[in-house]
Amino acid sequence: MRVSIFGPTGYIASAFRKQTQFECIPIERESREPLSDDVLYFIGSVDEHSMLTDVHLDIDTNLSILVDVLKVWRARKPNGCFSFIGSWFVYNQSPIPVTEQAPCSPLGFYSVAKLAAERLIESYCRVYNLPFRILRLANVYGGHDPGASRKKNALQWLIGKMARNEPIQLYYDGRFMRDYLHIDDAVRAIDVCLSDMPTDVTVNVGSGKSVEFRRIIEMARDALGSTSEITPWPGGAPDFHKTVQAKNFRMDVRFLRSYGWLPMVPLESGIKKMCWDLSHRV
């Protein structure tokens, strides 16, 4: 199957293009035209903080470009599916573990725009009788994300600091829970969704397990042999972070697993590999 990849140079999209079984067609940044009937759409803003600096960024990036692509894709009269890479951020404070049917109550511009993008796709495709899939990803780690920062892929950013023996501060002293999925497993999950799943569905893509963030950090520090001092962020976490992001999270991934997918990379070995890779980049 040939798949047009929108946002082909991003962290997860780059890994997908290298590892997937499908023939990927990267679509240039300024183009809105898919070159195949099947589309995998990665384009999106990257964190919640843009609302503090540019109130239009999330809307322009997550919504305006999307509807342009949908319009051009429909004009192809495609015999394929529009698959959208979403985010766990749309759930926010839903009771955990979070199923695909859980209510969504996003608070930040990024997460509100991601949910709006899902709704736009669903509405557009149903009006024009076109197939779609929504893939909501948990936290993805592993590989190399050149855009990692305190705001995006904070785990890689913190491990990079520990590889340099720099001090780090953790929100809530790291005493919060997250669902982390290795990027290799994420690619395999996307493959399964595109090849085996029905259309017109929303799918949770995560490990289905929760782990305390502090444990991951200590695991990484031990693997690195780092002397970094770990201290709590004053006040627990910035007020902005407390407002726009859930403290604890875990996905229910039974729907994905019902199609034979299982995560293959244990967290400890994935973290050790990530530490080795990052330490050799320092």
Protein backbone atom coordinates (compact mmCIF):
# COMPACT_ATOMS: atom_id res chain seq x y z
CA MET A 1 0.00 0.00 0.00
CA ARG A 2 1.20 3.50 -0.88
CA VAL A 3 0.66 6.13 1.82
CA SER A 4 1.07 9.90 1.52
CA ILE A 5 2.80 11.19 4.65
CA PHE A 6 1.97 14.74 5.72
CA GLY A 7 4.53 16.08 8.20
CA PRO A 8 7.12 13.51 7.05
CA THR A 9 10.14 14.94 8.88
CA GLY A 10 8.75 14.90 12.43
CA TYR A 11 9.96 12.66 15.23
CA ILE A 12 7.42 9.84 14.88
CA ALA A 13 6.86 10.27 11.15
CA SER A 14 10.60 9.89 10.45
CA ALA A 15 10.73 6.63 12.39
CA PHE A 16 7.59 5.39 10.67
CA ARG A 17 9.04 6.04 7.22
CA LYS A 18 12.17 4.03 8.09
CA GLN A 19 10.45 1.06 9.68
CA THR A 20 7.01 0.62 8.14
CA GLN A 21 6.02 -2.09 5.71
CA PHE A 22 4.21 0.47 3.53
CA GLU A 23 5.52 2.55 0.66
CA CYS A 24 5.69 6.08 2.05
CA ILE A 25 5.35 9.17 -0.11
CA PRO A 26 6.62 12.22 1.81
CA ILE A 27 4.57 15.32 1.00
CA GLU A 28 6.49 18.59 0.90
CA ARG A 29 5.79 21.13 3.61
CA GLU A 30 3.89 23.63 1.44
CA SER A 31 1.90 21.05 -0.51
CA ARG A 32 -1.71 20.17 0.28
CA GLU A 33 -1.98 17.44 -2.36
CA PRO A 34 -1.77 13.75 -1.44
CA LEU A 35 -0.14 11.55 -4.07
CA SER A 36 -1.97 8.37 -3.08
CA ASP A 37 -5.45 7.38 -1.96
CA ASP A 38 -4.29 6.56 1.57
CA VAL A 39 -3.10 9.40 3.79
CA LEU A 40 -1.28 9.36 7.12
CA TYR A 41 -1.45 12.83 8.64
CA PHE A 42 1.19 13.83 11.22
CA ILE A 43 1.08 17.64 10.87
CA GLY A 44 0.47 19.45 14.14
CA SER A 45 1.84 21.95 16.60
CA VAL A 46 4.05 20.34 19.22
CA ASP A 47 3.16 21.60 22.71
CA GLU A 48 0.73 23.59 24.82
CA HIS A 49 2.99 26.61 25.30
CA SER A 50 2.33 28.28 21.96
CA MET A 51 -0.84 29.85 23.37
CA LEU A 52 1.43 32.02 25.51
CA THR A 53 3.27 33.44 22.49
CA ASP A 54 1.09 32.99 19.38
CA VAL A 55 -2.63 32.41 19.89
CA HIS A 56 -3.13 31.56 16.20
CA LEU A 57 -0.42 28.90 15.86
CA ASP A 58 -2.44 25.90 17.07
CA ILE A 59 -5.45 26.87 14.98
CA ASP A 60 -3.44 27.57 11.84
CA THR A 61 -1.27 24.45 12.15
CA ASN A 62 -3.77 21.93 13.46
CA LEU A 63 -6.92 23.04 11.67
CA SER A 64 -6.42 25.33 8.67
CA ILE A 65 -3.88 23.14 6.88
CA LEU A 66 -5.92 20.04 7.71
CA VAL A 67 -9.12 21.22 6.02
CA ASP A 68 -7.15 22.23 2.92
CA VAL A 69 -5.68 18.73 2.69
CA LEU A 70 -9.07 17.08 3.24
CA LYS A 71 -10.59 19.11 0.41
CA VAL A 72 -7.84 18.15 -2.05
CA TRP A 73 -7.92 14.52 -0.91
CA ARG A 74 -11.70 14.33 -1.51
CA ALA A 75 -11.22 15.69 -5.03
CA ARG A 76 -9.15 12.56 -5.85
CA LYS A 77 -12.27 10.45 -5.23
CA PRO A 78 -9.97 8.27 -3.15
CA ASN A 79 -10.25 4.55 -2.67
CA GLY A 80 -8.35 4.76 0.60
CA CYS A 81 -8.45 6.05 4.17
CA PHE A 82 -7.48 9.30 5.91
CA SER A 83 -5.58 8.32 9.08
CA PHE A 84 -4.86 11.06 11.61
CA ILE A 85 -2.21 10.97 14.34
CA GLY A 86 -3.80 12.43 17.46
CA SER A 87 -2.73 12.81 21.07
CA TRP A 88 -3.63 11.60 24.55
CA PHE A 89 -3.81 15.27 25.54
CA VAL A 90 -7.43 15.42 24.33
CA TYR A 91 -8.54 13.36 27.34
CA ASN A 92 -7.07 15.55 30.11
CA GLN A 93 -8.81 14.58 33.37
CA SER A 94 -10.73 11.50 32.20
CA PRO A 95 -10.81 8.61 34.73
CA ILE A 96 -7.96 6.17 34.12
CA PRO A 97 -7.40 3.82 32.42
CA VAL A 98 -8.85 5.87 29.59
CA THR A 99 -10.89 4.09 26.92
CA GLU A 100 -11.64 5.48 23.47
CA GLN A 101 -15.18 6.21 24.68
CA ALA A 102 -14.03 8.36 27.62
CA PRO A 103 -15.18 11.99 27.63
CA CYS A 104 -12.65 14.49 26.32
CA SER A 105 -12.13 17.72 28.25
CA PRO A 106 -8.96 19.38 26.92
CA LEU A 107 -7.96 22.74 28.38
CA GLY A 108 -4.91 24.05 26.50
CA PHE A 109 -5.02 25.47 22.96
CA TYR A 110 -2.92 22.59 21.61
CA SER A 111 -5.16 19.87 23.01
CA VAL A 112 -8.38 21.73 22.19
CA ALA A 113 -7.18 22.16 18.59
CA LYS A 114 -6.21 18.47 18.37
CA LEU A 115 -9.71 17.45 19.46
CA ALA A 116 -11.23 19.97 17.04
CA ALA A 117 -9.12 18.42 14.26
CA GLU A 118 -10.55 14.99 15.09
CA ARG A 119 -14.08 16.36 14.98
CA LEU A 120 -13.45 18.14 11.67
CA ILE A 121 -12.19 14.91 10.11
CA GLU A 122 -15.13 12.91 11.43
CA SER A 123 -17.67 15.47 10.22
CA TYR A 124 -16.08 16.01 6.81
CA CYS A 125 -15.62 12.33 6.08
CA ARG A 126 -19.13 11.41 7.14
CA VAL A 127 -20.68 14.17 5.04
CA TYR A 128 -18.77 12.99 1.97
CA ASN A 129 -18.87 9.28 2.84
CA LEU A 130 -15.09 8.96 3.14
CA PRO A 131 -13.25 6.57 5.50
CA PHE A 132 -11.07 7.82 8.36
CA ARG A 133 -9.19 6.67 11.45
CA ILE A 134 -8.12 8.63 14.53
CA LEU A 135 -5.00 7.30 16.30
CA ARG A 136 -4.46 8.82 19.75
CA LEU A 137 -0.86 8.27 20.84
CA ALA A 138 0.40 8.12 24.41
CA ASN A 139 3.86 9.43 25.33
CA VAL A 140 6.36 8.06 22.81
CA TYR A 141 10.06 7.67 23.68
CA GLY A 142 13.18 6.21 22.10
CA GLY A 143 15.07 6.95 18.94
CA HIS A 144 16.15 10.57 18.58
CA ASP A 145 13.95 13.64 18.62
CA PRO A 146 16.02 16.69 17.60
CA GLY A 147 13.21 18.95 18.82
CA ALA A 148 13.15 17.59 22.38
CA SER A 149 12.86 20.27 25.05
CA ARG A 150 11.25 20.94 28.42
CA LYS A 151 8.02 21.57 26.48
CA LYS A 152 8.15 18.58 24.10
CA ASN A 153 9.53 15.08 24.69
CA ALA A 154 10.75 16.20 28.10
CA LEU A 155 12.01 12.70 28.94
CA GLN A 156 14.65 12.77 26.18
CA TRP A 157 15.56 16.36 27.10
CA LEU A 158 16.06 15.41 30.76
CA ILE A 159 18.09 12.31 29.88
CA GLY A 160 20.28 14.50 27.68
CA LYS A 161 20.92 16.80 30.63
CA MET A 162 21.78 13.83 32.85
CA ALA A 163 24.17 12.52 30.20
CA ARG A 164 26.01 15.84 30.69
CA ASN A 165 25.77 15.48 34.50
CA GLU A 166 23.68 18.65 34.71
CA PRO A 167 21.16 19.12 37.56
CA ILE A 168 17.51 18.57 36.73
CA GLN A 169 14.22 19.57 38.31
CA LEU A 170 11.10 17.41 38.11
CA TYR A 171 7.49 18.51 38.24
CA TYR A 172 5.87 17.04 41.38
CA ASP A 173 9.32 15.59 42.15
CA GLY A 174 8.53 13.02 39.45
CA ARG A 175 5.68 11.53 41.51
CA PHE A 176 3.16 11.27 38.71
CA MET A 177 2.14 8.48 36.37
CA ARG A 178 2.50 8.27 32.60
CA ASP A 179 1.88 5.78 29.79
CA TYR A 180 5.12 5.47 27.76
CA LEU A 181 5.41 3.56 24.50
CA HIS A 182 8.67 2.90 22.65
CA ILE A 183 8.78 4.43 19.20
CA ASP A 184 9.39 1.03 17.54
CA ASP A 185 6.18 -0.26 19.14
CA ALA A 186 4.36 2.90 18.07
CA VAL A 187 5.39 2.32 14.46
CA ARG A 188 4.22 -1.29 14.63
CA ALA A 189 0.91 -0.16 16.13
CA ILE A 190 0.34 2.38 13.35
CA ASP A 191 1.12 -0.37 10.82
CA VAL A 192 -1.54 -2.59 12.39
CA CYS A 193 -4.09 0.22 12.40
CA LEU A 194 -3.51 0.98 8.73
CA SER A 195 -3.46 -2.62 7.55
CA ASP A 196 -5.94 -4.47 9.75
CA MET A 197 -8.38 -2.13 11.48
CA PRO A 198 -11.78 -1.07 10.22
CA THR A 199 -12.33 2.56 9.25
CA ASP A 200 -14.34 5.24 11.06
CA VAL A 201 -12.78 4.36 14.43
CA THR A 202 -10.74 6.02 17.16
CA VAL A 203 -7.85 3.97 18.54
CA ASN A 204 -5.74 4.37 21.68
CA VAL A 205 -2.07 3.68 20.94
CA GLY A 206 -0.10 3.23 24.16
CA SER A 207 1.49 0.61 26.36
CA GLY A 208 -1.60 0.23 28.55
CA LYS A 209 0.66 0.48 31.60
CA SER A 210 1.41 3.38 33.90
CA VAL A 211 4.82 4.05 35.39
CA GLU A 212 5.95 6.70 37.84
CA PHE A 213 8.04 9.28 36.02
CA ARG A 214 10.55 9.41 38.88
CA ARG A 215 11.23 5.70 38.39
CA ILE A 216 12.04 6.25 34.71
CA ILE A 217 14.40 9.11 35.56
CA GLU A 218 16.21 7.07 38.21
CA MET A 219 16.44 4.14 35.79
CA ALA A 220 18.04 6.47 33.23
CA ARG A 221 20.43 8.03 35.74
CA ASP A 222 21.64 4.58 36.79
CA ALA A 223 22.08 3.51 33.16
CA LEU A 224 24.12 6.64 32.44
CA GLY A 225 26.16 6.50 35.65
CA SER A 226 25.18 10.17 35.95
CA THR A 227 26.00 12.42 38.89
CA SER A 228 23.11 14.78 38.14
CA GLU A 229 21.32 16.16 41.17
CA ILE A 230 17.55 15.64 41.00
CA THR A 231 15.37 18.16 42.83
CA PRO A 232 11.63 18.95 42.83
CA TRP A 233 10.28 21.88 40.85
CA PRO A 234 9.35 24.69 43.29
CA GLY A 235 5.63 24.63 43.97
CA GLY A 236 5.21 21.18 42.42
CA ALA A 237 4.87 22.39 38.82
CA PRO A 238 4.25 25.67 36.98
CA ASP A 239 0.65 26.87 37.31
CA PHE A 240 0.30 26.75 33.52
CA HIS A 241 1.27 23.07 33.46
CA LYS A 242 -1.17 22.25 36.26
CA THR A 243 -3.95 23.93 34.30
CA VAL A 244 -3.51 22.36 30.87
CA GLN A 245 -2.24 18.83 31.54
CA ALA A 246 -3.45 15.86 33.56
CA LYS A 247 -1.14 14.80 36.38
CA ASN A 248 -1.65 11.04 35.93
CA PHE A 249 -2.49 9.11 32.79
CA ARG A 250 -2.83 5.58 31.42
CA MET A 251 -4.55 4.28 28.29
CA ASP A 252 -6.84 1.32 27.91
CA VAL A 253 -5.47 -0.35 24.76
CA ARG A 254 -7.65 -3.47 24.60
CA PHE A 255 -9.09 -2.40 21.25
CA LEU A 256 -5.63 -2.20 19.66
CA ARG A 257 -4.54 -5.48 21.28
CA SER A 258 -7.62 -7.24 19.89
CA TYR A 259 -5.92 -6.97 16.48
CA GLY A 260 -2.90 -8.96 17.65
CA TRP A 261 -0.62 -6.05 18.52
CA LEU A 262 1.50 -6.22 21.67
CA PRO A 263 4.36 -3.93 22.76
CA MET A 264 7.70 -5.66 22.22
CA VAL A 265 10.21 -3.27 23.83
CA PRO A 266 10.35 -3.50 27.66
CA LEU A 267 10.60 -0.10 29.31
CA GLU A 268 13.91 -0.77 31.05
CA SER A 269 15.69 -1.98 27.91
CA GLY A 270 14.17 0.87 25.89
CA ILE A 271 15.42 3.43 28.40
CA LYS A 272 18.89 1.86 28.49
CA LYS A 273 19.12 1.98 24.70
CA MET A 274 17.95 5.58 24.70
CA CYS A 275 20.57 6.48 27.32
CA TRP A 276 23.33 4.82 25.31
CA ASP A 277 22.29 6.67 22.16
CA LEU A 278 22.04 10.04 23.88
CA SER A 279 25.27 9.66 25.84
CA HIS A 280 27.12 9.04 22.59
CA ARG A 281 25.67 12.24 21.13
CA VAL A 282 26.92 14.39 24.04
